[in-house]
N, C-alpha and C. Protein backbone atom coordinates (compact mmCIF):
# COMPACT_ATOMS: atom_id res chain seq x y z
N MET A 1 -11.92 20.72 9.55
CA MET A 1 -11.03 21.27 10.42
C MET A 1 -9.56 20.45 10.34
N ILE A 2 -9.57 19.82 9.35
CA ILE A 2 -8.14 18.91 9.00
C ILE A 2 -7.18 19.89 8.18
N ASN A 3 -6.70 20.83 8.88
CA ASN A 3 -5.67 21.84 8.48
C ASN A 3 -4.63 22.38 9.58
N SER A 4 -4.18 23.47 8.87
CA SER A 4 -3.22 23.97 9.91
C SER A 4 -3.74 25.06 10.67
N LYS A 5 -5.06 25.39 10.60
CA LYS A 5 -5.76 26.75 11.10
C LYS A 5 -6.19 26.19 12.61
N TYR A 6 -6.15 24.82 13.05
CA TYR A 6 -6.84 24.62 14.44
C TYR A 6 -5.93 23.79 15.28
N GLN A 7 -4.21 24.60 15.29
CA GLN A 7 -3.67 24.47 16.17
C GLN A 7 -3.66 24.80 17.62
N GLU A 8 -4.57 25.91 17.92
CA GLU A 8 -4.94 26.01 19.29
C GLU A 8 -5.73 25.53 19.66
N GLU A 9 -6.87 24.79 18.97
CA GLU A 9 -7.63 23.67 19.29
C GLU A 9 -6.98 22.35 19.36
N LEU A 10 -5.99 21.90 18.66
CA LEU A 10 -5.43 20.84 19.16
C LEU A 10 -4.57 20.96 20.48
N VAL A 11 -3.91 22.08 20.70
CA VAL A 11 -3.14 22.33 21.97
C VAL A 11 -4.07 21.94 23.18
N GLU A 12 -5.10 22.74 22.82
CA GLU A 12 -6.28 22.72 24.06
C GLU A 12 -6.78 21.22 24.23
N ILE A 13 -7.17 20.66 23.03
CA ILE A 13 -7.39 18.98 23.31
C ILE A 13 -6.11 18.15 24.31
N THR A 14 -5.00 18.77 23.74
CA THR A 14 -4.09 18.04 24.46
C THR A 14 -3.64 18.40 25.58
N ARG A 15 -4.02 19.32 26.37
CA ARG A 15 -4.29 19.90 27.88
C ARG A 15 -5.31 19.25 28.36
N ILE A 16 -6.54 18.77 28.06
CA ILE A 16 -7.49 18.22 28.35
C ILE A 16 -7.25 16.72 28.57
N ALA A 17 -6.47 16.07 27.67
CA ALA A 17 -6.41 14.45 27.48
C ALA A 17 -5.04 14.39 27.14
N PRO A 18 -3.93 14.37 27.66
CA PRO A 18 -2.66 14.12 27.13
C PRO A 18 -2.20 12.93 26.20
N LYS A 19 -2.97 11.92 26.09
CA LYS A 19 -2.90 10.96 25.09
C LYS A 19 -3.87 10.88 24.13
N ILE A 20 -3.75 11.27 23.09
CA ILE A 20 -5.07 11.41 22.11
C ILE A 20 -4.17 10.78 20.78
N VAL A 21 -4.89 10.22 19.94
CA VAL A 21 -4.90 9.76 18.49
C VAL A 21 -5.95 10.36 17.74
N ALA A 22 -5.19 10.67 16.45
CA ALA A 22 -6.02 11.24 15.10
C ALA A 22 -5.98 10.34 14.20
N ILE A 23 -7.07 9.73 13.64
CA ILE A 23 -7.21 8.77 12.49
C ILE A 23 -8.20 9.63 11.66
N ILE A 24 -7.48 10.09 10.34
CA ILE A 24 -8.07 10.77 9.37
C ILE A 24 -8.25 10.05 7.77
N ASP A 25 -9.21 10.41 7.31
CA ASP A 25 -9.32 9.94 5.90
C ASP A 25 -8.34 10.56 5.07
N SER A 26 -7.71 9.62 3.99
CA SER A 26 -6.61 10.43 2.95
C SER A 26 -7.18 11.33 2.24
N GLU A 27 -8.46 11.15 1.79
CA GLU A 27 -9.07 11.85 0.42
C GLU A 27 -8.28 11.73 -0.62
N ARG A 28 -7.40 10.69 -0.93
CA ARG A 28 -6.49 10.65 -1.91
C ARG A 28 -7.35 10.22 -3.13
N ASP A 29 -6.93 10.81 -4.43
CA ASP A 29 -7.38 10.68 -5.39
C ASP A 29 -7.41 9.27 -6.29
N SER A 30 -6.04 8.54 -5.61
CA SER A 30 -5.90 7.23 -5.96
C SER A 30 -5.11 6.55 -5.00
N PRO A 31 -5.01 5.19 -4.94
CA PRO A 31 -4.48 4.41 -3.99
C PRO A 31 -2.93 4.70 -4.08
N GLY A 32 -1.98 5.12 -2.78
CA GLY A 32 -0.87 5.59 -2.98
C GLY A 32 -0.63 7.07 -3.37
N GLY A 33 -1.68 7.76 -3.45
CA GLY A 33 -1.69 8.97 -3.95
C GLY A 33 -1.03 9.99 -2.81
N VAL A 34 -1.02 11.03 -3.13
CA VAL A 34 -0.34 11.91 -2.32
C VAL A 34 -1.59 12.75 -1.68
N ILE A 35 -1.28 13.04 -0.19
CA ILE A 35 -2.53 13.67 0.75
C ILE A 35 -2.50 15.08 0.42
N SER A 36 -3.57 15.80 0.82
CA SER A 36 -3.55 17.15 0.40
C SER A 36 -2.62 17.99 1.02
N GLN A 37 -2.18 19.34 0.69
CA GLN A 37 -1.43 20.19 1.90
C GLN A 37 -2.03 20.55 3.06
N ASP A 38 -3.12 20.67 3.10
CA ASP A 38 -3.85 20.72 4.38
C ASP A 38 -3.88 19.30 5.24
N ARG A 39 -3.88 18.27 4.90
CA ARG A 39 -3.82 17.09 5.58
C ARG A 39 -2.44 17.04 5.79
N GLN A 40 -1.51 17.36 4.92
CA GLN A 40 0.00 17.18 5.35
C GLN A 40 0.43 18.09 6.53
N ALA A 41 -0.38 19.36 6.47
CA ALA A 41 0.02 20.53 7.36
C ALA A 41 -0.48 19.73 8.96
N PHE A 42 -1.82 19.38 8.81
CA PHE A 42 -2.30 18.71 9.85
C PHE A 42 -1.53 17.77 10.70
N THR A 43 -1.10 16.78 9.87
CA THR A 43 -0.27 15.64 10.41
C THR A 43 1.10 16.23 10.84
N ARG A 44 1.71 17.43 10.38
CA ARG A 44 2.92 18.24 11.07
C ARG A 44 2.66 18.58 12.21
N ILE A 45 1.37 19.49 12.62
CA ILE A 45 1.10 19.97 13.66
C ILE A 45 0.85 18.70 14.77
N CYS A 46 0.15 17.65 14.38
CA CYS A 46 -0.02 16.61 15.14
C CYS A 46 1.38 16.22 15.75
N SER A 47 2.33 15.83 14.83
CA SER A 47 3.73 15.43 15.51
C SER A 47 4.22 16.44 16.26
N ASP A 48 4.16 17.64 15.86
CA ASP A 48 4.86 18.54 16.73
C ASP A 48 4.20 18.57 18.39
N LEU A 49 2.92 18.55 18.52
CA LEU A 49 2.23 18.09 19.71
C LEU A 49 2.28 16.90 20.00
N GLU A 50 3.29 15.82 19.75
CA GLU A 50 3.21 14.69 19.96
C GLU A 50 1.78 13.97 20.20
N ILE A 51 1.06 14.47 19.36
CA ILE A 51 -0.29 13.49 19.06
C ILE A 51 -0.23 12.31 17.71
N ALA A 52 -0.26 11.18 18.24
CA ALA A 52 -0.31 10.11 17.09
C ALA A 52 -1.14 10.37 16.01
N CYS A 53 -0.74 10.56 14.75
CA CYS A 53 -1.94 10.76 13.95
C CYS A 53 -1.68 9.72 12.75
N HIS A 54 -2.62 9.19 12.14
CA HIS A 54 -2.84 8.09 11.38
C HIS A 54 -3.49 8.41 10.17
N VAL A 55 -2.91 8.39 8.74
CA VAL A 55 -3.73 8.67 7.75
C VAL A 55 -4.07 7.52 6.98
N LEU A 56 -5.55 7.13 6.87
CA LEU A 56 -6.07 5.98 6.49
C LEU A 56 -5.36 5.89 5.01
N ASP A 57 -5.14 4.51 4.57
CA ASP A 57 -4.68 4.27 3.23
C ASP A 57 -5.91 4.92 2.02
N ARG A 58 -7.11 4.15 2.48
CA ARG A 58 -8.00 4.39 1.42
C ARG A 58 -8.79 6.08 1.46
N ARG A 59 -9.54 6.24 0.80
CA ARG A 59 -9.94 7.79 0.52
C ARG A 59 -10.93 8.10 1.90
N ALA A 60 -11.71 7.03 2.52
CA ALA A 60 -12.58 7.26 3.56
C ALA A 60 -12.92 6.11 4.46
N THR A 61 -13.55 6.41 5.72
CA THR A 61 -13.46 5.20 6.39
C THR A 61 -14.85 4.38 5.60
N GLU A 62 -15.49 4.77 4.96
CA GLU A 62 -16.66 4.16 4.44
C GLU A 62 -16.10 3.07 3.56
N ASN A 63 -14.88 3.38 2.79
CA ASN A 63 -14.17 2.06 2.17
C ASN A 63 -13.66 0.89 3.13
N TYR A 64 -14.10 1.02 4.34
CA TYR A 64 -13.41 0.16 5.04
C TYR A 64 -14.57 -0.71 5.72
N PRO A 65 -15.00 -1.50 4.85
CA PRO A 65 -16.48 -2.67 5.40
C PRO A 65 -16.23 -3.20 6.63
N ASP A 66 -15.07 -3.77 6.92
CA ASP A 66 -15.03 -4.69 7.85
C ASP A 66 -14.92 -3.65 9.57
N LEU A 67 -14.47 -2.33 9.37
CA LEU A 67 -14.65 -1.49 10.31
C LEU A 67 -15.96 -1.58 11.00
N ASN A 68 -16.05 -1.65 12.08
CA ASN A 68 -17.29 -1.18 12.96
C ASN A 68 -17.01 -0.22 13.77
N LEU A 69 -17.21 1.36 13.44
CA LEU A 69 -17.16 2.45 13.70
C LEU A 69 -18.59 2.96 14.53
N ARG A 70 -19.41 2.15 14.43
CA ARG A 70 -20.58 2.57 15.22
C ARG A 70 -20.33 2.12 16.88
């Protein structure tokens, strides 16, 4: 769902909870690499809707052993 096709769903989320944050995996092929166009589109939509969106530096949350996401 991290692409430009779910703008309506994001709008609905902001209606329910006006202050939200999105944290997404970068899925980059290499450190410092470019994120996919789908992810770029998603971050643009978030920006337009005033959703704080952070793209992780590493490929996935599994690559952050110090995070306690449970």
